[in-house]
PDB file of N, CA and C in Angstrom:
ATOM      1  N   UNK A   1     -46.092 -84.166  27.628  1.00  0.00           N
ATOM      2  CA  UNK A   1     -46.343 -84.331  26.186  1.00  0.00           C
ATOM      3  C   UNK A   1     -46.876 -82.230  26.318  1.00  0.00           C
ATOM      4  N   UNK A   2     -46.171 -82.331  24.859  1.00  0.00           N
ATOM      5  CA  UNK A   2     -46.786 -80.417  25.320  1.00  0.00           C
ATOM      6  C   UNK A   2     -47.759 -80.202  24.831  1.00  0.00           C
ATOM      7  N   UNK A   3     -48.191 -79.233  24.716  1.00  0.00           N
ATOM      8  CA  UNK A   3     -49.635 -78.652  24.186  1.00  0.00           C
ATOM      9  C   UNK A   3     -48.966 -78.035  22.792  1.00  0.00           C
ATOM     10  N   UNK A   4     -49.437 -78.092  21.935  1.00  0.00           N
ATOM     11  CA  UNK A   4     -49.846 -77.079  20.722  1.00  0.00           C
ATOM     12  C   UNK A   4     -50.407 -76.178  21.022  1.00  0.00           C
ATOM     13  N   UNK A   5     -49.718 -74.986  20.037  1.00  0.00           N
ATOM     14  CA  UNK A   5     -50.885 -73.425  20.197  1.00  0.00           C
ATOM     15  C   UNK A   5     -51.197 -74.015  19.167  1.00  0.00           C
ATOM     16  N   UNK A   6     -52.532 -72.898  19.689  1.00  0.00           N
ATOM     17  CA  UNK A   6     -52.964 -72.727  17.887  1.00  0.00           C
ATOM     18  C   UNK A   6     -52.628 -71.481  16.992  1.00  0.00           C
ATOM     19  N   UNK A   7     -52.352 -70.987  16.009  1.00  0.00           N
ATOM     20  CA  UNK A   7     -52.123 -69.870  14.993  1.00  0.00           C
ATOM     21  C   UNK A   7     -52.108 -69.108  16.098  1.00  0.00           C
ATOM     22  N   UNK A   8     -53.648 -68.487  16.092  1.00  0.00           N
ATOM     23  CA  UNK A   8     -53.672 -67.792  16.820  1.00  0.00           C
ATOM     24  C   UNK A   8     -52.777 -67.356  18.004  1.00  0.00           C
ATOM     25  N   UNK A   9     -53.116 -68.238  18.675  1.00  0.00           N
ATOM     26  CA  UNK A   9     -51.846 -68.500  20.269  1.00  0.00           C
ATOM     27  C   UNK A   9     -50.341 -67.907  20.068  1.00  0.00           C
ATOM     28  N   UNK A  10     -49.988 -68.440  18.632  1.00  0.00           N
ATOM     29  CA  UNK A  10     -48.897 -67.955  18.335  1.00  0.00           C
ATOM     30  C   UNK A  10     -48.755 -66.839  17.846  1.00  0.00           C
ATOM     31  N   UNK A  11     -49.261 -66.507  17.570  1.00  0.00           N
ATOM     32  CA  UNK A  11     -49.045 -64.732  16.960  1.00  0.00           C
ATOM     33  C   UNK A  11     -49.514 -63.911  18.196  1.00  0.00           C
ATOM     34  N   UNK A  12     -50.139 -64.224  19.380  1.00  0.00           N
ATOM     35  CA  UNK A  12     -50.140 -63.668  20.194  1.00  0.00           C
ATOM     36  C   UNK A  12     -48.806 -63.363  21.423  1.00  0.00           C
ATOM     37  N   UNK A  13     -47.929 -64.732  21.514  1.00  0.00           N
ATOM     38  CA  UNK A  13     -47.204 -64.913  21.996  1.00  0.00           C
ATOM     39  C   UNK A  13     -45.408 -64.322  21.421  1.00  0.00           C
ATOM     40  N   UNK A  14     -45.991 -63.983  20.252  1.00  0.00           N
ATOM     41  CA  UNK A  14     -44.445 -63.808  19.812  1.00  0.00           C
ATOM     42  C   UNK A  14     -44.707 -61.970  20.023  1.00  0.00           C
ATOM     43  N   UNK A  15     -43.443 -61.965  20.140  1.00  0.00           N
ATOM     44  CA  UNK A  15     -42.953 -60.341  20.929  1.00  0.00           C
ATOM     45  C   UNK A  15     -43.128 -59.143  19.700  1.00  0.00           C
ATOM     46  N   UNK A  16     -43.272 -58.200  19.279  1.00  0.00           N
ATOM     47  CA  UNK A  16     -43.701 -57.071  18.891  1.00  0.00           C
ATOM     48  C   UNK A  16     -42.216 -56.942  19.014  1.00  0.00           C
ATOM     49  N   UNK A  17     -42.096 -56.654  16.616  1.00  0.00           N
ATOM     50  CA  UNK A  17     -40.618 -55.859  16.454  1.00  0.00           C
ATOM     51  C   UNK A  17     -40.859 -55.187  16.562  1.00  0.00           C
ATOM     52  N   UNK A  18     -39.002 -54.271  17.239  1.00  0.00           N
ATOM     53  CA  UNK A  18     -39.107 -52.652  16.474  1.00  0.00           C
ATOM     54  C   UNK A  18     -39.327 -52.505  15.086  1.00  0.00           C
ATOM     55  N   UNK A  19     -39.744 -50.682  15.345  1.00  0.00           N
ATOM     56  CA  UNK A  19     -40.298 -50.357  14.155  1.00  0.00           C
ATOM     57  C   UNK A  19     -38.579 -50.384  13.185  1.00  0.00           C
ATOM     58  N   UNK A  20     -38.226 -49.953  13.570  1.00  0.00           N
ATOM     59  CA  UNK A  20     -36.359 -49.499  12.691  1.00  0.00           C
ATOM     60  C   UNK A  20     -35.984 -50.544  11.805  1.00  0.00           C
ATOM     61  N   UNK A  21     -36.133 -52.431  12.996  1.00  0.00           N
ATOM     62  CA  UNK A  21     -35.751 -53.007  12.679  1.00  0.00           C
ATOM     63  C   UNK A  21     -36.795 -54.204  11.258  1.00  0.00           C
ATOM     64  N   UNK A  22     -38.123 -53.294  12.035  1.00  0.00           N
ATOM     65  CA  UNK A  22     -38.682 -54.100  10.795  1.00  0.00           C
ATOM     66  C   UNK A  22     -38.553 -52.785   8.619  1.00  0.00           C
ATOM     67  N   UNK A  23     -37.969 -52.216   9.068  1.00  0.00           N
ATOM     68  CA  UNK A  23     -37.051 -51.510   8.092  1.00  0.00           C
ATOM     69  C   UNK A  23     -36.540 -51.890   7.504  1.00  0.00           C
ATOM     70  N   UNK A  24     -35.133 -52.334   8.395  1.00  0.00           N
ATOM     71  CA  UNK A  24     -33.991 -52.564   8.495  1.00  0.00           C
ATOM     72  C   UNK A  24     -33.869 -53.299   7.849  1.00  0.00           C
ATOM     73  N   UNK A  25     -34.835 -54.407   7.214  1.00  0.00           N
ATOM     74  CA  UNK A  25     -33.333 -55.817   7.641  1.00  0.00           C
ATOM     75  C   UNK A  25     -32.976 -55.880   6.057  1.00  0.00           C
ATOM     76  N   UNK A  26     -33.642 -55.381   4.923  1.00  0.00           N
ATOM     77  CA  UNK A  26     -32.852 -55.124   3.951  1.00  0.00           C
ATOM     78  C   UNK A  26     -31.439 -54.625   4.121  1.00  0.00           C
ATOM     79  N   UNK A  27     -31.554 -53.675   4.630  1.00  0.00           N
ATOM     80  CA  UNK A  27     -30.581 -52.510   4.340  1.00  0.00           C
ATOM     81  C   UNK A  27     -29.291 -53.602   5.212  1.00  0.00           C
ATOM     82  N   UNK A  28     -29.471 -54.142   6.274  1.00  0.00           N
ATOM     83  CA  UNK A  28     -28.655 -55.094   7.282  1.00  0.00           C
ATOM     84  C   UNK A  28     -28.824 -55.961   5.983  1.00  0.00           C
ATOM     85  N   UNK A  29     -28.836 -56.643   5.307  1.00  0.00           N
ATOM     86  CA  UNK A  29     -28.354 -57.557   4.287  1.00  0.00           C
ATOM     87  C   UNK A  29     -27.491 -56.926   3.799  1.00  0.00           C
ATOM     88  N   UNK A  30     -27.404 -56.440   3.238  1.00  0.00           N
ATOM     89  CA  UNK A  30     -26.941 -55.604   1.896  1.00  0.00           C
ATOM     90  C   UNK A  30     -25.753 -55.450   3.074  1.00  0.00           C
ATOM     91  N   UNK A  31     -25.667 -54.999   3.598  1.00  0.00           N
ATOM     92  CA  UNK A  31     -24.489 -53.999   4.489  1.00  0.00           C
ATOM     93  C   UNK A  31     -23.606 -55.276   5.648  1.00  0.00           C
ATOM     94  N   UNK A  32     -24.237 -56.143   6.019  1.00  0.00           N
ATOM     95  CA  UNK A  32     -23.940 -57.396   6.683  1.00  0.00           C
ATOM     96  C   UNK A  32     -23.876 -59.232   6.030  1.00  0.00           C
ATOM     97  N   UNK A  33     -24.045 -58.890   4.390  1.00  0.00           N
ATOM     98  CA  UNK A  33     -24.126 -60.413   3.686  1.00  0.00           C
ATOM     99  C   UNK A  33     -23.152 -61.410   4.236  1.00  0.00           C
ATOM    100  N   UNK A  34     -23.944 -62.688   4.616  1.00  0.00           N
ATOM    101  CA  UNK A  34     -22.982 -63.489   4.815  1.00  0.00           C
ATOM    102  C   UNK A  34     -22.356 -64.076   3.847  1.00  0.00           C
ATOM    103  N   UNK A  35     -22.608 -63.984   2.213  1.00  0.00           N
ATOM    104  CA  UNK A  35     -21.557 -64.301   1.401  1.00  0.00           C
ATOM    105  C   UNK A  35     -20.417 -63.360   0.630  1.00  0.00           C
ATOM    106  N   UNK A  36     -21.074 -62.367   0.682  1.00  0.00           N
ATOM    107  CA  UNK A  36     -19.963 -61.592  -0.377  1.00  0.00           C
ATOM    108  C   UNK A  36     -19.412 -60.288   0.789  1.00  0.00           C
ATOM    109  N   UNK A  37     -18.511 -59.696   0.713  1.00  0.00           N
ATOM    110  CA  UNK A  37     -17.972 -58.605   1.370  1.00  0.00           C
ATOM    111  C   UNK A  37     -17.618 -57.548   0.887  1.00  0.00           C
ATOM    112  N   UNK A  38     -18.968 -57.303   0.760  1.00  0.00           N
ATOM    113  CA  UNK A  38     -18.954 -55.363  -0.288  1.00  0.00           C
ATOM    114  C   UNK A  38     -18.257 -54.214  -0.012  1.00  0.00           C
ATOM    115  N   UNK A  39     -17.958 -54.133  -1.011  1.00  0.00           N
ATOM    116  CA  UNK A  39     -17.052 -52.325  -0.873  1.00  0.00           C
ATOM    117  C   UNK A  39     -18.463 -52.360  -0.859  1.00  0.00           C
ATOM    118  N   UNK A  40     -17.721 -50.944   0.946  1.00  0.00           N
ATOM    119  CA  UNK A  40     -18.655 -49.164   1.009  1.00  0.00           C
ATOM    120  C   UNK A  40     -19.293 -48.568  -0.748  1.00  0.00           C
ATOM    121  N   UNK A  41     -20.347 -48.578   0.343  1.00  0.00           N
ATOM    122  CA  UNK A  41     -21.242 -47.526  -1.163  1.00  0.00           C
ATOM    123  C   UNK A  41     -20.865 -48.181  -2.698  1.00  0.00           C
ATOM    124  N   UNK A  42     -20.561 -49.636  -3.018  1.00  0.00           N
ATOM    125  CA  UNK A  42     -20.808 -49.930  -4.556  1.00  0.00           C
ATOM    126  C   UNK A  42     -22.279 -49.874  -4.814  1.00  0.00           C
ATOM    127  N   UNK A  43     -23.404 -49.815  -4.752  1.00  0.00           N
ATOM    128  CA  UNK A  43     -24.141 -49.536  -5.329  1.00  0.00           C
ATOM    129  C   UNK A  43     -24.000 -47.757  -6.308  1.00  0.00           C
ATOM    130  N   UNK A  44     -23.637 -47.040  -5.092  1.00  0.00           N
ATOM    131  CA  UNK A  44     -23.758 -45.783  -5.239  1.00  0.00           C
ATOM    132  C   UNK A  44     -22.677 -45.452  -6.292  1.00  0.00           C
ATOM    133  N   UNK A  45     -22.284 -46.439  -6.601  1.00  0.00           N
ATOM    134  CA  UNK A  45     -20.408 -45.445  -7.599  1.00  0.00           C
ATOM    135  C   UNK A  45     -20.997 -45.038  -8.805  1.00  0.00           C
ATOM    136  N   UNK A  46     -20.388 -44.193  -9.494  1.00  0.00           N
ATOM    137  CA  UNK A  46     -20.497 -43.377 -10.764  1.00  0.00           C
ATOM    138  C   UNK A  46     -21.231 -44.288 -11.920  1.00  0.00           C
ATOM    139  N   UNK A  47     -20.174 -45.316 -12.258  1.00  0.00           N
ATOM    140  CA  UNK A  47     -20.223 -45.279 -13.144  1.00  0.00           C
ATOM    141  C   UNK A  47     -20.998 -47.570 -13.452  1.00  0.00           C
ATOM    142  N   UNK A  48     -22.145 -48.292 -14.541  1.00  0.00           N
ATOM    143  CA  UNK A  48     -21.924 -49.094 -14.380  1.00  0.00           C
ATOM    144  C   UNK A  48     -20.689 -50.386 -14.525  1.00  0.00           C
ATOM    145  N   UNK A  49     -19.795 -50.207 -14.839  1.00  0.00           N
ATOM    146  CA  UNK A  49     -18.737 -50.745 -14.956  1.00  0.00           C
ATOM    147  C   UNK A  49     -18.063 -50.717 -13.552  1.00  0.00           C
ATOM    148  N   UNK A  50     -17.579 -49.696 -12.856  1.00  0.00           N
ATOM    149  CA  UNK A  50     -16.918 -49.855 -11.827  1.00  0.00           C
ATOM    150  C   UNK A  50     -17.971 -50.870 -10.115  1.00  0.00           C
ATOM    151  N   UNK A  51     -18.575 -50.801 -10.888  1.00  0.00           N
ATOM    152  CA  UNK A  51     -20.321 -51.896  -9.900  1.00  0.00           C
ATOM    153  C   UNK A  51     -20.071 -52.564 -10.450  1.00  0.00           C
ATOM    154  N   UNK A  52     -20.240 -53.497 -11.714  1.00  0.00           N
ATOM    155  CA  UNK A  52     -20.219 -54.982 -11.965  1.00  0.00           C
ATOM    156  C   UNK A  52     -18.247 -55.407 -11.714  1.00  0.00           C
ATOM    157  N   UNK A  53     -17.168 -54.566 -11.918  1.00  0.00           N
ATOM    158  CA  UNK A  53     -15.867 -54.818 -11.624  1.00  0.00           C
ATOM    159  C   UNK A  53     -15.904 -54.755  -9.946  1.00  0.00           C
ATOM    160  N   UNK A  54     -17.021 -53.797  -8.807  1.00  0.00           N
ATOM    161  CA  UNK A  54     -16.467 -54.161  -8.255  1.00  0.00           C
ATOM    162  C   UNK A  54     -17.397 -55.220  -6.895  1.00  0.00           C
ATOM    163  N   UNK A  55     -18.248 -55.357  -7.478  1.00  0.00           N
ATOM    164  CA  UNK A  55     -19.222 -56.944  -7.259  1.00  0.00           C
ATOM    165  C   UNK A  55     -18.502 -57.976  -7.967  1.00  0.00           C
ATOM    166  N   UNK A  56     -18.089 -57.910  -8.965  1.00  0.00           N
ATOM    167  CA  UNK A  56     -16.987 -59.442  -9.175  1.00  0.00           C
ATOM    168  C   UNK A  56     -16.249 -59.851  -8.577  1.00  0.00           C
ATOM    169  N   UNK A  57     -15.091 -58.687  -8.039  1.00  0.00           N
ATOM    170  CA  UNK A  57     -14.145 -58.636  -7.108  1.00  0.00           C
ATOM    171  C   UNK A  57     -14.397 -59.694  -5.908  1.00  0.00           C
ATOM    172  N   UNK A  58     -15.422 -58.854  -5.443  1.00  0.00           N
ATOM    173  CA  UNK A  58     -16.373 -59.351  -4.381  1.00  0.00           C
ATOM    174  C   UNK A  58     -16.941 -60.499  -4.466  1.00  0.00           C
ATOM    175  N   UNK A  59     -17.363 -60.930  -5.164  1.00  0.00           N
ATOM    176  CA  UNK A  59     -18.058 -62.328  -5.537  1.00  0.00           C
ATOM    177  C   UNK A  59     -16.810 -63.518  -5.730  1.00  0.00           C
ATOM    178  N   UNK A  60     -15.599 -62.989  -6.285  1.00  0.00           N
ATOM    179  CA  UNK A  60     -14.852 -63.760  -6.555  1.00  0.00           C
ATOM    180  C   UNK A  60     -13.792 -64.358  -5.415  1.00  0.00           C
ATOM    181  N   UNK A  61     -13.838 -63.202  -4.305  1.00  0.00           N
ATOM    182  CA  UNK A  61     -12.659 -63.313  -3.582  1.00  0.00           C
ATOM    183  C   UNK A  61     -13.804 -63.999  -2.549  1.00  0.00           C
ATOM    184  N   UNK A  62     -14.727 -63.981  -2.355  1.00  0.00           N
ATOM    185  CA  UNK A  62     -15.725 -64.627  -1.372  1.00  0.00           C
ATOM    186  C   UNK A  62     -15.379 -66.458  -1.281  1.00  0.00           C
ATOM    187  N   UNK A  63     -15.259 -67.294   0.163  1.00  0.00           N
ATOM    188  CA  UNK A  63     -14.878 -68.506   0.284  1.00  0.00           C
ATOM    189  C   UNK A  63     -16.401 -68.812   0.799  1.00  0.00           C
ATOM    190  N   UNK A  64     -17.224 -68.077   1.086  1.00  0.00           N
ATOM    191  CA  UNK A  64     -18.590 -68.068   1.884  1.00  0.00           C
ATOM    192  C   UNK A  64     -19.442 -67.791   1.077  1.00  0.00           C
ATOM    193  N   UNK A  65     -18.969 -67.794  -0.229  1.00  0.00           N
ATOM    194  CA  UNK A  65     -20.922 -67.596  -0.710  1.00  0.00           C
ATOM    195  C   UNK A  65     -20.821 -69.633  -1.213  1.00  0.00           C
ATOM    196  N   UNK A  66     -22.217 -69.354  -1.516  1.00  0.00           N
ATOM    197  CA  UNK A  66     -23.017 -70.337  -1.806  1.00  0.00           C
ATOM    198  C   UNK A  66     -22.737 -71.490  -3.453  1.00  0.00           C
ATOM    199  N   UNK A  67     -23.397 -70.166  -4.455  1.00  0.00           N
ATOM    200  CA  UNK A  67     -23.339 -70.442  -5.809  1.00  0.00           C
ATOM    201  C   UNK A  67     -22.394 -70.001  -6.326  1.00  0.00           C
ATOM    202  N   UNK A  68     -21.728 -69.634  -7.172  1.00  0.00           N
ATOM    203  CA  UNK A  68     -21.121 -69.341  -8.156  1.00  0.00           C
ATOM    204  C   UNK A  68     -21.051 -67.911  -8.358  1.00  0.00           C
ATOM    205  N   UNK A  69     -20.016 -67.429  -8.581  1.00  0.00           N
ATOM    206  CA  UNK A  69     -19.372 -66.037  -8.186  1.00  0.00           C
ATOM    207  C   UNK A  69     -20.679 -64.839  -8.648  1.00  0.00           C
ATOM    208  N   UNK A  70     -20.701 -65.732 -10.587  1.00  0.00           N
ATOM    209  CA  UNK A  70     -21.647 -64.650 -11.305  1.00  0.00           C
ATOM    210  C   UNK A  70     -23.150 -64.507 -10.487  1.00  0.00           C
ATOM    211  N   UNK A  71     -23.271 -66.304 -10.247  1.00  0.00           N
ATOM    212  CA  UNK A  71     -24.664 -65.746  -9.205  1.00  0.00           C
ATOM    213  C   UNK A  71     -25.130 -65.221  -8.468  1.00  0.00           C
ATOM    214  N   UNK A  72     -23.448 -65.304  -7.211  1.00  0.00           N
ATOM    215  CA  UNK A  72     -23.900 -64.549  -6.240  1.00  0.00           C
ATOM    216  C   UNK A  72     -24.276 -62.389  -6.391  1.00  0.00           C
ATOM    217  N   UNK A  73     -23.254 -62.718  -7.374  1.00  0.00           N
ATOM    218  CA  UNK A  73     -22.811 -60.904  -7.659  1.00  0.00           C
ATOM    219  C   UNK A  73     -23.771 -60.372  -7.861  1.00  0.00           C
ATOM    220  N   UNK A  74     -25.279 -61.228  -8.970  1.00  0.00           N
ATOM    221  CA  UNK A  74     -26.352 -60.813  -9.581  1.00  0.00           C
ATOM    222  C   UNK A  74     -27.650 -60.761  -8.708  1.00  0.00           C
ATOM    223  N   UNK A  75     -27.173 -61.554  -7.269  1.00  0.00           N
ATOM    224  CA  UNK A  75     -28.208 -62.128  -6.664  1.00  0.00           C
ATOM    225  C   UNK A  75     -28.278 -59.964  -6.274  1.00  0.00           C
ATOM    226  N   UNK A  76     -26.762 -60.282  -5.448  1.00  0.00           N
ATOM    227  CA  UNK A  76     -27.225 -58.911  -4.681  1.00  0.00           C
ATOM    228  C   UNK A  76     -27.139 -57.704  -5.781  1.00  0.00           C
ATOM    229  N   UNK A  77     -27.208 -57.602  -7.030  1.00  0.00           N
ATOM    230  CA  UNK A  77     -27.257 -56.690  -7.375  1.00  0.00           C
ATOM    231  C   UNK A  77     -28.687 -56.652  -7.812  1.00  0.00           C
ATOM    232  N   UNK A  78     -29.240 -57.539  -7.566  1.00  0.00           N
ATOM    233  CA  UNK A  78     -30.963 -57.756  -8.366  1.00  0.00           C
ATOM    234  C   UNK A  78     -32.167 -57.442  -6.723  1.00  0.00           C
ATOM    235  N   UNK A  79     -31.203 -58.213  -5.886  1.00  0.00           N
ATOM    236  CA  UNK A  79     -31.660 -57.654  -4.630  1.00  0.00           C
ATOM    237  C   UNK A  79     -31.504 -56.448  -4.110  1.00  0.00           C
ATOM    238  N   UNK A  80     -30.676 -55.900  -4.769  1.00  0.00           N
ATOM    239  CA  UNK A  80     -30.347 -53.704  -4.172  1.00  0.00           C
ATOM    240  C   UNK A  80     -31.669 -53.144  -5.101  1.00  0.00           C
ATOM    241  N   UNK A  81     -31.409 -53.637  -5.935  1.00  0.00           N
ATOM    242  CA  UNK A  81     -32.679 -52.971  -6.673  1.00  0.00           C
ATOM    243  C   UNK A  81     -33.947 -52.855  -6.812  1.00  0.00           C
ATOM    244  N   UNK A  82     -34.163 -54.731  -5.729  1.00  0.00           N
ATOM    245  CA  UNK A  82     -36.121 -54.791  -5.486  1.00  0.00           C
ATOM    246  C   UNK A  82     -36.166 -54.227  -4.564  1.00  0.00           C
ATOM    247  N   UNK A  83     -34.808 -54.273  -3.375  1.00  0.00           N
ATOM    248  CA  UNK A  83     -35.826 -53.784  -1.956  1.00  0.00           C
ATOM    249  C   UNK A  83     -36.034 -51.710  -2.516  1.00  0.00           C
ATOM    250  N   UNK A  84     -35.002 -51.615  -3.095  1.00  0.00           N
ATOM    251  CA  UNK A  84     -34.735 -50.149  -3.259  1.00  0.00           C
ATOM    252  C   UNK A  84     -36.347 -49.258  -3.769  1.00  0.00           C
ATOM    253  N   UNK A  85     -36.816 -50.217  -4.979  1.00  0.00           N
ATOM    254  CA  UNK A  85     -38.575 -50.071  -5.256  1.00  0.00           C
ATOM    255  C   UNK A  85     -38.135 -48.665  -5.949  1.00  0.00           C
ATOM    256  N   UNK A  86     -39.677 -48.005  -5.228  1.00  0.00           N
ATOM    257  CA  UNK A  86     -39.574 -46.665  -5.844  1.00  0.00           C
ATOM    258  C   UNK A  86     -38.810 -45.844  -5.241  1.00  0.00           C
ATOM    259  N   UNK A  87     -38.297 -45.372  -4.498  1.00  0.00           N
ATOM    260  CA  UNK A  87     -37.133 -44.893  -3.846  1.00  0.00           C
ATOM    261  C   UNK A  87     -36.241 -45.026  -4.493  1.00  0.00           C
ATOM    262  N   UNK A  88     -35.412 -45.384  -5.386  1.00  0.00           N
ATOM    263  CA  UNK A  88     -34.454 -45.583  -6.274  1.00  0.00           C
ATOM    264  C   UNK A  88     -34.703 -44.507  -7.224  1.00  0.00           C
ATOM    265  N   UNK A  89     -33.541 -43.261  -7.425  1.00  0.00           N
ATOM    266  CA  UNK A  89     -33.925 -42.588  -8.673  1.00  0.00           C
ATOM    267  C   UNK A  89     -34.055 -42.803  -9.916  1.00  0.00           C
ATOM    268  N   UNK A  90     -34.183 -42.312 -10.779  1.00  0.00           N
ATOM    269  CA  UNK A  90     -34.176 -43.367 -12.426  1.00  0.00           C
ATOM    270  C   UNK A  90     -32.501 -43.294 -12.839  1.00  0.00           C
ATOM    271  N   UNK A  91     -32.117 -42.119 -12.433  1.00  0.00           N
ATOM    272  CA  UNK A  91     -30.687 -42.398 -13.156  1.00  0.00           C
ATOM    273  C   UNK A  91     -30.254 -43.521 -12.691  1.00  0.00           C
ATOM    274  N   UNK A  92     -30.652 -43.846 -10.826  1.00  0.00           N
ATOM    275  CA  UNK A  92     -29.529 -44.572 -10.420  1.00  0.00           C
ATOM    276  C   UNK A  92     -30.272 -45.819 -10.431  1.00  0.00           C
ATOM    277  N   UNK A  93     -31.370 -46.473 -11.317  1.00  0.00           N
ATOM    278  CA  UNK A  93     -31.909 -47.744 -11.239  1.00  0.00           C
ATOM    279  C   UNK A  93     -31.331 -47.607 -12.721  1.00  0.00           C
ATOM    280  N   UNK A  94     -31.223 -46.258 -13.922  1.00  0.00           N
ATOM    281  CA  UNK A  94     -30.250 -47.205 -15.239  1.00  0.00           C
ATOM    282  C   UNK A  94     -29.140 -47.792 -14.906  1.00  0.00           C
ATOM    283  N   UNK A  95     -28.781 -47.196 -14.274  1.00  0.00           N
ATOM    284  CA  UNK A  95     -27.319 -47.309 -13.677  1.00  0.00           C
ATOM    285  C   UNK A  95     -27.221 -49.046 -13.107  1.00  0.00           C
ATOM    286  N   UNK A  96     -27.693 -49.242 -12.347  1.00  0.00           N
ATOM    287  CA  UNK A  96     -27.641 -50.739 -12.013  1.00  0.00           C
ATOM    288  C   UNK A  96     -28.841 -51.286 -12.975  1.00  0.00           C
ATOM    289  N   UNK A  97     -28.995 -51.081 -13.541  1.00  0.00           N
ATOM    290  CA  UNK A  97     -29.668 -52.285 -15.027  1.00  0.00           C
ATOM    291  C   UNK A  97     -28.536 -52.568 -15.846  1.00  0.00           C
ATOM    292  N   UNK A  98     -28.125 -51.289 -16.029  1.00  0.00           N
ATOM    293  CA  UNK A  98     -26.218 -51.801 -16.938  1.00  0.00           C
ATOM    294  C   UNK A  98     -25.651 -52.252 -15.937  1.00  0.00           C
ATOM    295  N   UNK A  99     -25.729 -52.401 -15.206  1.00  0.00           N
ATOM    296  CA  UNK A  99     -24.558 -53.027 -14.194  1.00  0.00           C
ATOM    297  C   UNK A  99     -24.495 -54.059 -14.711  1.00  0.00           C
ATOM    298  N   UNK A 100     -25.629 -54.505 -14.856  1.00  0.00           N
ATOM    299  CA  UNK A 100     -26.656 -55.724 -14.502  1.00  0.00           C
ATOM    300  C   UNK A 100     -25.531 -56.645 -16.241  1.00  0.00           C
ATOM    301  N   UNK A 101     -25.375 -56.075 -17.434  1.00  0.00           N
ATOM    302  CA  UNK A 101     -25.286 -56.375 -18.828  1.00  0.00           C
ATOM    303  C   UNK A 101     -23.595 -56.217 -18.531  1.00  0.00           C
ATOM    304  N   UNK A 102     -23.186 -55.803 -18.035  1.00  0.00           N
ATOM    305  CA  UNK A 102     -21.659 -55.277 -18.107  1.00  0.00           C
ATOM    306  C   UNK A 102     -20.951 -56.328 -16.268  1.00  0.00           C
ATOM    307  N   UNK A 103     -22.050 -56.818 -16.331  1.00  0.00           N
ATOM    308  CA  UNK A 103     -21.898 -58.163 -15.016  1.00  0.00           C
ATOM    309  C   UNK A 103     -21.491 -59.073 -15.945  1.00  0.00           C
ATOM    310  N   UNK A 104     -22.615 -58.924 -16.738  1.00  0.00           N
ATOM    311  CA  UNK A 104     -23.113 -60.603 -17.484  1.00  0.00           C
ATOM    312  C   UNK A 104     -21.599 -60.387 -18.500  1.00  0.00           C
ATOM    313  N   UNK A 105     -20.957 -59.468 -19.251  1.00  0.00           N
ATOM    314  CA  UNK A 105     -19.595 -59.210 -19.806  1.00  0.00           C
ATOM    315  C   UNK A 105     -18.309 -59.590 -19.144  1.00  0.00           C
ATOM    316  N   UNK A 106     -18.747 -58.570 -18.140  1.00  0.00           N
ATOM    317  CA  UNK A 106     -17.236 -59.128 -17.206  1.00  0.00           C
ATOM    318  C   UNK A 106     -17.092 -60.721 -16.162  1.00  0.00           C
ATOM    319  N   UNK A 107     -18.150 -61.685 -16.500  1.00  0.00           N
ATOM    320  CA  UNK A 107     -17.516 -63.089 -16.775  1.00  0.00           C
ATOM    321  C   UNK A 107     -17.784 -63.770 -17.788  1.00  0.00           C
ATOM    322  N   UNK A 108     -17.862 -63.169 -18.825  1.00  0.00           N
ATOM    323  CA  UNK A 108     -17.699 -63.409 -20.532  1.00  0.00           C
ATOM    324  C   UNK A 108     -19.761 -64.509 -20.573  1.00  0.00           C
ATOM    325  N   UNK A 109     -20.477 -63.809 -20.148  1.00  0.00           N
ATOM    326  CA  UNK A 109     -21.556 -64.892 -20.340  1.00  0.00           C
ATOM    327  C   UNK A 109     -22.712 -63.461 -21.933  1.00  0.00           C
ATOM    328  N   UNK A 110     -21.948 -63.361 -22.284  1.00  0.00           N
ATOM    329  CA  UNK A 110     -22.779 -62.350 -23.346  1.00  0.00           C
ATOM    330  C   UNK A 110     -23.520 -63.528 -24.372  1.00  0.00           C
TER     331      UNK A 110
END
């Protein structure tokens, strides 16, 4: 029979994560997404339309995504915006928000 650990014992048994891995998990998700093969620098492109076209292309070409192409592309875009938080410059945030609308147009969901 195995002994059950208390909550406190489980916490003490865990190895502390390295500081770098705690900070960069969202970067790793964006870079190594299992659902989409994103173009390098897609979220820093100069126009909302280019961002939307790139995300659409990535989502439609992916055979590993679990949801539809539109939902996968929009989820990745929203994930990036949310994780960037206050560190995202206002101009880039606006461009990415416009990319959401453009993505909607690209998929004919206006």
